[in-house]
Amino acid sequence: MSASLDSFLQRATPHVLALFRVVIGLLFACHGASSLFGVLGGAMGQGGTLPTGSWPGWYAAVIQLAGGLLVMLGLGTRPAALLSSGSMAYAYFSTHQGTALWPIQNGGEASVMFCWAFLLVFFTGPGSWALDRVFFGARTEPAAPAAQQEPSAA
């Protein structure tokens, strides 16, 4: 890879991660809003809302709405992403996996994709456009691995 392309990719990575976080958070929040408020096709695309307090659907919808909004805004991103990832793992194994082995067969593709996407956000962090930076200041980036660091002139 050329040095200029590598340099561009390094500069673009935090912005692309932030865009990924915003899109995933927005899509997840839409799932929660549809189930809680009956918008965007309603609960499970059938219209209407989930009964308040019904287990596990209503609680999952609250996690989807709140977690999605927090991740989208970059506010408490890592804890919100971890909770969202876990809720989707629970949804997959409790609802879909018993029907068939593969997500394409059991209708669990969205659960699996959201689970892994939020796990990625948990590990990579919010990227460059996060409200955490506004409220808590810019955090220092982790040091580069030893193999990538320039040798010191000692």
N, C-alpha and C. Protein backbone atom coordinates (compact mmCIF):
# COMPACT_ATOMS: atom_id res chain seq x y z
N MET A 1 0.85 -1.17 0.00
CA MET A 1 0.00 0.00 0.00
C MET A 1 0.89 1.23 0.00
N SER A 2 0.50 2.22 -0.75
CA SER A 2 1.32 3.42 -0.83
C SER A 2 1.26 4.20 0.48
N ALA A 3 2.29 4.98 0.73
CA ALA A 3 2.37 5.76 1.97
C ALA A 3 1.24 6.79 2.04
N SER A 4 0.89 7.40 0.90
CA SER A 4 -0.17 8.41 0.93
C SER A 4 -1.54 7.78 1.22
N LEU A 5 -1.80 6.59 0.65
CA LEU A 5 -3.05 5.90 0.93
C LEU A 5 -3.11 5.47 2.39
N ASP A 6 -2.00 4.95 2.90
CA ASP A 6 -1.94 4.53 4.30
C ASP A 6 -2.17 5.73 5.23
N SER A 7 -1.58 6.85 4.89
CA SER A 7 -1.75 8.07 5.69
C SER A 7 -3.21 8.52 5.66
N PHE A 8 -3.83 8.49 4.48
CA PHE A 8 -5.24 8.87 4.36
C PHE A 8 -6.12 7.95 5.20
N LEU A 9 -5.88 6.65 5.11
CA LEU A 9 -6.68 5.69 5.86
C LEU A 9 -6.55 5.91 7.37
N GLN A 10 -5.35 6.20 7.83
CA GLN A 10 -5.15 6.47 9.26
C GLN A 10 -5.90 7.72 9.70
N ARG A 11 -5.90 8.75 8.87
CA ARG A 11 -6.62 9.99 9.21
C ARG A 11 -8.13 9.79 9.14
N ALA A 12 -8.60 8.97 8.21
CA ALA A 12 -10.04 8.79 8.00
C ALA A 12 -10.68 7.82 8.99
N THR A 13 -9.90 6.92 9.57
CA THR A 13 -10.46 5.86 10.42
C THR A 13 -11.34 6.38 11.55
N PRO A 14 -10.94 7.36 12.37
CA PRO A 14 -11.83 7.81 13.44
C PRO A 14 -13.15 8.38 12.92
N HIS A 15 -13.12 9.01 11.75
CA HIS A 15 -14.33 9.59 11.17
C HIS A 15 -15.26 8.50 10.63
N VAL A 16 -14.69 7.48 10.00
CA VAL A 16 -15.48 6.37 9.48
C VAL A 16 -16.09 5.59 10.64
N LEU A 17 -15.32 5.38 11.70
CA LEU A 17 -15.86 4.70 12.88
C LEU A 17 -17.00 5.50 13.50
N ALA A 18 -16.87 6.81 13.53
CA ALA A 18 -17.94 7.65 14.06
C ALA A 18 -19.19 7.55 13.19
N LEU A 19 -19.02 7.57 11.88
CA LEU A 19 -20.15 7.44 10.97
C LEU A 19 -20.82 6.07 11.14
N PHE A 20 -20.03 5.02 11.27
CA PHE A 20 -20.55 3.67 11.52
C PHE A 20 -21.38 3.66 12.80
N ARG A 21 -20.84 4.27 13.87
CA ARG A 21 -21.53 4.33 15.16
C ARG A 21 -22.86 5.06 15.03
N VAL A 22 -22.87 6.19 14.32
CA VAL A 22 -24.10 6.98 14.16
C VAL A 22 -25.17 6.17 13.41
N VAL A 23 -24.79 5.52 12.33
CA VAL A 23 -25.75 4.75 11.53
C VAL A 23 -26.30 3.57 12.32
N ILE A 24 -25.42 2.81 12.97
CA ILE A 24 -25.87 1.65 13.75
C ILE A 24 -26.78 2.10 14.89
N GLY A 25 -26.40 3.16 15.58
CA GLY A 25 -27.22 3.67 16.67
C GLY A 25 -28.59 4.13 16.20
N LEU A 26 -28.64 4.83 15.08
CA LEU A 26 -29.91 5.30 14.54
C LEU A 26 -30.82 4.13 14.16
N LEU A 27 -30.27 3.15 13.47
CA LEU A 27 -31.08 1.98 13.08
C LEU A 27 -31.60 1.23 14.30
N PHE A 28 -30.77 1.10 15.32
CA PHE A 28 -31.18 0.40 16.53
C PHE A 28 -32.27 1.18 17.27
N ALA A 29 -32.11 2.50 17.35
CA ALA A 29 -33.12 3.34 18.01
C ALA A 29 -34.45 3.25 17.27
N CYS A 30 -34.42 3.15 15.95
CA CYS A 30 -35.65 3.01 15.18
C CYS A 30 -36.40 1.73 15.54
N HIS A 31 -35.68 0.65 15.78
CA HIS A 31 -36.32 -0.60 16.22
C HIS A 31 -37.05 -0.39 17.53
N GLY A 32 -36.39 0.26 18.48
CA GLY A 32 -37.02 0.51 19.77
C GLY A 32 -38.22 1.44 19.65
N ALA A 33 -38.09 2.51 18.87
CA ALA A 33 -39.19 3.46 18.70
C ALA A 33 -40.40 2.80 18.05
N SER A 34 -40.16 1.92 17.09
CA SER A 34 -41.29 1.26 16.43
C SER A 34 -42.07 0.39 17.41
N SER A 35 -41.39 -0.30 18.29
CA SER A 35 -42.05 -1.17 19.26
C SER A 35 -42.70 -0.40 20.40
N LEU A 36 -42.09 0.68 20.82
CA LEU A 36 -42.62 1.44 21.96
C LEU A 36 -43.72 2.42 21.57
N PHE A 37 -43.58 3.04 20.38
CA PHE A 37 -44.50 4.12 20.00
C PHE A 37 -45.37 3.79 18.79
N GLY A 38 -45.17 2.64 18.17
CA GLY A 38 -45.98 2.25 17.03
C GLY A 38 -45.66 2.99 15.74
N VAL A 39 -44.50 3.66 15.70
CA VAL A 39 -44.10 4.39 14.50
C VAL A 39 -43.30 3.47 13.58
N LEU A 40 -43.07 3.90 12.36
CA LEU A 40 -42.21 3.16 11.41
C LEU A 40 -42.68 1.71 11.21
N GLY A 41 -43.97 1.50 11.18
CA GLY A 41 -44.50 0.15 10.97
C GLY A 41 -44.94 -0.53 12.24
N GLY A 42 -44.62 0.03 13.38
CA GLY A 42 -45.06 -0.53 14.65
C GLY A 42 -44.28 -1.75 15.07
N ALA A 43 -44.73 -2.34 16.16
CA ALA A 43 -44.06 -3.50 16.74
C ALA A 43 -44.01 -4.66 15.76
N MET A 44 -42.81 -5.14 15.49
CA MET A 44 -42.55 -6.26 14.59
C MET A 44 -43.17 -6.08 13.22
N GLY A 45 -43.32 -4.80 12.80
CA GLY A 45 -43.86 -4.50 11.48
C GLY A 45 -45.35 -4.76 11.36
N GLN A 46 -46.02 -5.06 12.48
CA GLN A 46 -47.45 -5.38 12.46
C GLN A 46 -48.32 -4.24 12.94
N GLY A 47 -47.72 -3.07 13.18
CA GLY A 47 -48.47 -1.94 13.72
C GLY A 47 -48.63 -2.10 15.23
N GLY A 48 -49.07 -1.07 15.85
CA GLY A 48 -49.29 -1.13 17.29
C GLY A 48 -48.00 -1.05 18.08
N THR A 49 -48.15 -1.24 19.37
CA THR A 49 -47.02 -1.18 20.29
C THR A 49 -46.98 -2.44 21.14
N LEU A 50 -45.88 -2.64 21.82
CA LEU A 50 -45.78 -3.75 22.76
C LEU A 50 -46.44 -3.33 24.07
N PRO A 51 -47.10 -4.26 24.76
CA PRO A 51 -47.69 -3.91 26.06
C PRO A 51 -46.59 -3.47 27.04
N THR A 52 -46.86 -2.39 27.76
CA THR A 52 -45.88 -1.85 28.70
C THR A 52 -45.50 -2.91 29.74
N GLY A 53 -44.21 -3.11 29.89
CA GLY A 53 -43.69 -4.04 30.89
C GLY A 53 -43.67 -5.50 30.46
N SER A 54 -44.08 -5.81 29.23
CA SER A 54 -44.09 -7.21 28.80
C SER A 54 -42.66 -7.71 28.63
N TRP A 55 -42.41 -8.92 29.12
CA TRP A 55 -41.08 -9.52 29.06
C TRP A 55 -41.00 -10.44 27.87
N PRO A 56 -39.94 -10.41 27.12
CA PRO A 56 -38.80 -9.52 27.18
C PRO A 56 -38.91 -8.36 26.20
N GLY A 57 -39.96 -8.37 25.35
CA GLY A 57 -40.05 -7.43 24.23
C GLY A 57 -40.02 -5.96 24.61
N TRP A 58 -40.81 -5.57 25.61
CA TRP A 58 -40.87 -4.16 25.97
C TRP A 58 -39.52 -3.69 26.53
N TYR A 59 -38.90 -4.51 27.36
CA TYR A 59 -37.60 -4.15 27.93
C TYR A 59 -36.53 -4.09 26.85
N ALA A 60 -36.60 -5.00 25.90
CA ALA A 60 -35.66 -4.98 24.77
C ALA A 60 -35.84 -3.70 23.96
N ALA A 61 -37.09 -3.27 23.77
CA ALA A 61 -37.36 -2.05 23.01
C ALA A 61 -36.82 -0.83 23.74
N VAL A 62 -36.90 -0.81 25.06
CA VAL A 62 -36.34 0.31 25.83
C VAL A 62 -34.82 0.34 25.66
N ILE A 63 -34.19 -0.84 25.74
CA ILE A 63 -32.74 -0.91 25.53
C ILE A 63 -32.39 -0.47 24.11
N GLN A 64 -33.20 -0.88 23.14
CA GLN A 64 -32.93 -0.49 21.75
C GLN A 64 -33.03 1.02 21.56
N LEU A 65 -34.06 1.62 22.11
CA LEU A 65 -34.23 3.06 21.94
C LEU A 65 -33.15 3.84 22.69
N ALA A 66 -32.99 3.55 23.96
CA ALA A 66 -32.00 4.29 24.77
C ALA A 66 -30.58 3.98 24.32
N GLY A 67 -30.26 2.70 24.15
CA GLY A 67 -28.92 2.32 23.72
C GLY A 67 -28.58 2.86 22.35
N GLY A 68 -29.55 2.79 21.43
CA GLY A 68 -29.32 3.31 20.09
C GLY A 68 -29.07 4.81 20.08
N LEU A 69 -29.86 5.55 20.86
CA LEU A 69 -29.67 7.01 20.92
C LEU A 69 -28.33 7.36 21.56
N LEU A 70 -27.97 6.66 22.65
CA LEU A 70 -26.69 6.95 23.30
C LEU A 70 -25.51 6.65 22.38
N VAL A 71 -25.57 5.51 21.71
CA VAL A 71 -24.49 5.16 20.78
C VAL A 71 -24.45 6.15 19.62
N MET A 72 -25.61 6.50 19.07
CA MET A 72 -25.66 7.43 17.96
C MET A 72 -25.05 8.78 18.34
N LEU A 73 -25.33 9.25 19.54
CA LEU A 73 -24.82 10.54 19.99
C LEU A 73 -23.38 10.47 20.50
N GLY A 74 -22.90 9.27 20.77
CA GLY A 74 -21.55 9.13 21.32
C GLY A 74 -21.49 9.54 22.78
N LEU A 75 -22.53 9.24 23.51
CA LEU A 75 -22.62 9.60 24.93
C LEU A 75 -22.69 8.31 25.74
N GLY A 76 -21.64 8.02 26.49
CA GLY A 76 -21.57 6.74 27.19
C GLY A 76 -21.55 5.60 26.20
N THR A 77 -20.79 5.78 25.14
CA THR A 77 -20.83 4.88 24.00
C THR A 77 -20.48 3.44 24.37
N ARG A 78 -19.38 3.25 25.05
CA ARG A 78 -18.95 1.87 25.32
C ARG A 78 -19.92 1.10 26.20
N PRO A 79 -20.37 1.64 27.34
CA PRO A 79 -21.36 0.88 28.13
C PRO A 79 -22.66 0.65 27.36
N ALA A 80 -23.13 1.65 26.62
CA ALA A 80 -24.37 1.49 25.86
C ALA A 80 -24.20 0.44 24.76
N ALA A 81 -23.05 0.43 24.11
CA ALA A 81 -22.79 -0.56 23.06
C ALA A 81 -22.71 -1.96 23.63
N LEU A 82 -22.08 -2.12 24.79
CA LEU A 82 -21.98 -3.44 25.41
C LEU A 82 -23.35 -3.96 25.82
N LEU A 83 -24.17 -3.11 26.43
CA LEU A 83 -25.53 -3.52 26.81
C LEU A 83 -26.35 -3.86 25.57
N SER A 84 -26.23 -3.07 24.53
CA SER A 84 -26.97 -3.32 23.29
C SER A 84 -26.52 -4.63 22.64
N SER A 85 -25.23 -4.86 22.62
CA SER A 85 -24.70 -6.11 22.07
C SER A 85 -25.22 -7.32 22.85
N GLY A 86 -25.18 -7.22 24.15
CA GLY A 86 -25.67 -8.32 24.99
C GLY A 86 -27.16 -8.57 24.80
N SER A 87 -27.93 -7.51 24.65
CA SER A 87 -29.37 -7.70 24.46
C SER A 87 -29.66 -8.40 23.13
N MET A 88 -28.86 -8.12 22.12
CA MET A 88 -29.06 -8.78 20.84
C MET A 88 -28.58 -10.23 20.88
N ALA A 89 -27.53 -10.52 21.64
CA ALA A 89 -27.12 -11.91 21.82
C ALA A 89 -28.23 -12.69 22.52
N TYR A 90 -28.81 -12.08 23.56
CA TYR A 90 -29.93 -12.71 24.28
C TYR A 90 -31.10 -12.94 23.33
N ALA A 91 -31.44 -11.93 22.54
CA ALA A 91 -32.55 -12.06 21.59
C ALA A 91 -32.31 -13.20 20.61
N TYR A 92 -31.08 -13.29 20.11
CA TYR A 92 -30.79 -14.35 19.14
C TYR A 92 -30.94 -15.73 19.77
N PHE A 93 -30.31 -15.93 20.92
CA PHE A 93 -30.32 -17.28 21.51
C PHE A 93 -31.66 -17.64 22.14
N SER A 94 -32.42 -16.66 22.61
CA SER A 94 -33.70 -16.99 23.23
C SER A 94 -34.85 -17.07 22.22
N THR A 95 -34.75 -16.35 21.12
CA THR A 95 -35.87 -16.29 20.17
C THR A 95 -35.59 -17.02 18.87
N HIS A 96 -34.42 -16.85 18.31
CA HIS A 96 -34.16 -17.34 16.96
C HIS A 96 -33.44 -18.69 16.90
N GLN A 97 -32.44 -18.89 17.72
CA GLN A 97 -31.56 -20.04 17.57
C GLN A 97 -32.27 -21.37 17.72
N GLY A 98 -33.33 -21.42 18.50
CA GLY A 98 -34.06 -22.68 18.68
C GLY A 98 -34.81 -23.14 17.44
N THR A 99 -35.03 -22.25 16.50
CA THR A 99 -35.79 -22.57 15.30
C THR A 99 -34.93 -23.29 14.26
N ALA A 100 -33.72 -22.81 14.04
CA ALA A 100 -32.81 -23.39 13.06
C ALA A 100 -31.39 -22.95 13.41
N LEU A 101 -30.40 -23.62 12.84
CA LEU A 101 -29.01 -23.36 13.18
C LEU A 101 -28.51 -22.01 12.68
N TRP A 102 -28.76 -21.68 11.42
CA TRP A 102 -28.17 -20.49 10.80
C TRP A 102 -29.13 -19.30 10.87
N PRO A 103 -28.57 -18.09 11.08
CA PRO A 103 -29.42 -16.89 11.15
C PRO A 103 -30.29 -16.69 9.91
N ILE A 104 -29.79 -17.05 8.74
CA ILE A 104 -30.58 -16.89 7.52
C ILE A 104 -31.80 -17.80 7.55
N GLN A 105 -31.72 -18.91 8.27
CA GLN A 105 -32.83 -19.85 8.36
C GLN A 105 -33.82 -19.49 9.47
N ASN A 106 -33.33 -18.85 10.54
CA ASN A 106 -34.19 -18.63 11.69
C ASN A 106 -34.64 -17.18 11.86
N GLY A 107 -34.33 -16.30 10.90
CA GLY A 107 -34.77 -14.92 10.96
C GLY A 107 -33.98 -14.06 11.94
N GLY A 108 -32.81 -14.52 12.35
CA GLY A 108 -32.04 -13.79 13.34
C GLY A 108 -30.91 -12.95 12.79
N GLU A 109 -30.92 -12.66 11.48
CA GLU A 109 -29.81 -11.89 10.90
C GLU A 109 -29.64 -10.54 11.56
N ALA A 110 -30.73 -9.83 11.79
CA ALA A 110 -30.62 -8.49 12.39
C ALA A 110 -30.03 -8.57 13.80
N SER A 111 -30.47 -9.56 14.57
CA SER A 111 -29.93 -9.71 15.92
C SER A 111 -28.43 -9.98 15.89
N VAL A 112 -27.99 -10.85 15.01
CA VAL A 112 -26.57 -11.18 14.91
C VAL A 112 -25.77 -9.97 14.43
N MET A 113 -26.26 -9.29 13.42
CA MET A 113 -25.53 -8.13 12.89
C MET A 113 -25.42 -7.02 13.94
N PHE A 114 -26.52 -6.72 14.63
CA PHE A 114 -26.48 -5.69 15.67
C PHE A 114 -25.56 -6.11 16.81
N CYS A 115 -25.61 -7.38 17.20
CA CYS A 115 -24.76 -7.87 18.28
C CYS A 115 -23.29 -7.64 17.95
N TRP A 116 -22.86 -8.04 16.76
CA TRP A 116 -21.45 -7.90 16.38
C TRP A 116 -21.08 -6.46 16.10
N ALA A 117 -22.00 -5.68 15.53
CA ALA A 117 -21.72 -4.26 15.27
C ALA A 117 -21.50 -3.51 16.57
N PHE A 118 -22.36 -3.76 17.56
CA PHE A 118 -22.20 -3.07 18.85
C PHE A 118 -20.96 -3.56 19.60
N LEU A 119 -20.61 -4.82 19.42
CA LEU A 119 -19.38 -5.30 20.04
C LEU A 119 -18.17 -4.60 19.42
N LEU A 120 -18.20 -4.38 18.12
CA LEU A 120 -17.14 -3.62 17.46
C LEU A 120 -17.07 -2.20 17.99
N VAL A 121 -18.22 -1.54 18.14
CA VAL A 121 -18.24 -0.18 18.68
C VAL A 121 -17.69 -0.17 20.11
N PHE A 122 -18.03 -1.19 20.89
CA PHE A 122 -17.51 -1.28 22.25
C PHE A 122 -15.98 -1.30 22.25
N PHE A 123 -15.39 -2.08 21.36
CA PHE A 123 -13.93 -2.20 21.34
C PHE A 123 -13.23 -1.03 20.66
N THR A 124 -13.84 -0.45 19.63
CA THR A 124 -13.17 0.63 18.91
C THR A 124 -13.43 1.99 19.52
N GLY A 125 -14.49 2.14 20.28
CA GLY A 125 -14.83 3.43 20.87
C GLY A 125 -15.68 4.26 19.92
N PRO A 126 -16.00 5.48 20.32
CA PRO A 126 -16.97 6.27 19.58
C PRO A 126 -16.45 6.95 18.31
N GLY A 127 -15.16 6.98 18.09
CA GLY A 127 -14.65 7.70 16.93
C GLY A 127 -14.53 9.18 17.24
N SER A 128 -14.50 9.99 16.21
CA SER A 128 -14.16 11.40 16.41
C SER A 128 -15.34 12.31 16.74
N TRP A 129 -16.56 11.94 16.41
CA TRP A 129 -17.69 12.85 16.62
C TRP A 129 -18.55 12.35 17.76
N ALA A 130 -18.13 12.52 18.98
CA ALA A 130 -18.87 12.00 20.13
C ALA A 130 -19.15 13.11 21.13
N LEU A 131 -20.34 13.08 21.71
CA LEU A 131 -20.68 14.05 22.75
C LEU A 131 -19.83 13.85 24.00
N ASP A 132 -19.32 12.65 24.19
CA ASP A 132 -18.41 12.42 25.31
C ASP A 132 -17.25 13.41 25.28
N ARG A 133 -16.77 13.75 24.08
CA ARG A 133 -15.67 14.70 23.94
C ARG A 133 -16.09 16.09 24.41
N VAL A 134 -17.34 16.46 24.16
CA VAL A 134 -17.83 17.77 24.57
C VAL A 134 -17.95 17.85 26.09
N PHE A 135 -18.52 16.81 26.70
CA PHE A 135 -18.78 16.83 28.13
C PHE A 135 -17.58 16.45 28.98
N PHE A 136 -16.75 15.56 28.48
CA PHE A 136 -15.65 15.03 29.29
C PHE A 136 -14.27 15.34 28.72
N GLY A 137 -14.22 16.10 27.63
CA GLY A 137 -12.94 16.46 27.03
C GLY A 137 -12.41 15.36 26.14
N ALA A 138 -11.48 15.73 25.29
CA ALA A 138 -10.88 14.75 24.38
C ALA A 138 -10.00 13.81 25.18
N ARG A 139 -10.20 12.56 24.95
CA ARG A 139 -9.38 11.55 25.60
C ARG A 139 -8.14 11.32 24.75
N THR A 140 -7.06 10.99 25.40
CA THR A 140 -5.85 10.71 24.64
C THR A 140 -5.99 9.37 23.94
N GLU A 141 -5.48 9.29 22.74
CA GLU A 141 -5.51 8.05 21.98
C GLU A 141 -4.50 7.08 22.58
N PRO A 142 -4.79 5.78 22.54
CA PRO A 142 -3.83 4.82 23.07
C PRO A 142 -2.54 4.85 22.28
N ALA A 143 -1.45 4.54 22.95
CA ALA A 143 -0.15 4.53 22.29
C ALA A 143 -0.12 3.45 21.22
N ALA A 144 0.61 3.71 20.17
CA ALA A 144 0.75 2.73 19.09
C ALA A 144 1.51 1.53 19.62
N PRO A 145 1.21 0.34 19.08
CA PRO A 145 1.97 -0.84 19.48
C PRO A 145 3.47 -0.62 19.24
N ALA A 146 4.29 -1.31 20.00
CA ALA A 146 5.75 -1.13 19.95
C ALA A 146 6.30 -1.30 18.53
N ALA A 147 5.72 -2.17 17.73
CA ALA A 147 6.24 -2.41 16.38
C ALA A 147 6.02 -1.20 15.48
N GLN A 148 5.02 -0.35 15.79
CA GLN A 148 4.73 0.78 14.93
C GLN A 148 5.38 2.07 15.42
N GLN A 149 5.89 2.09 16.63
CA GLN A 149 6.47 3.31 17.18
C GLN A 149 7.83 3.58 16.54
N GLU A 150 8.13 4.86 16.38
CA GLU A 150 9.42 5.25 15.85
C GLU A 150 10.49 4.98 16.90
N PRO A 151 11.67 4.52 16.48
CA PRO A 151 12.73 4.29 17.47
C PRO A 151 13.16 5.63 18.08
N SER A 152 13.41 5.60 19.38
CA SER A 152 13.81 6.84 20.04
C SER A 152 15.30 7.10 19.80
N ALA A 153 15.63 8.38 19.75
CA ALA A 153 17.03 8.77 19.52
C ALA A 153 17.70 8.92 20.88
N ALA A 154 18.20 7.83 21.40
CA ALA A 154 18.82 7.87 22.73
C ALA A 154 20.32 7.87 22.65
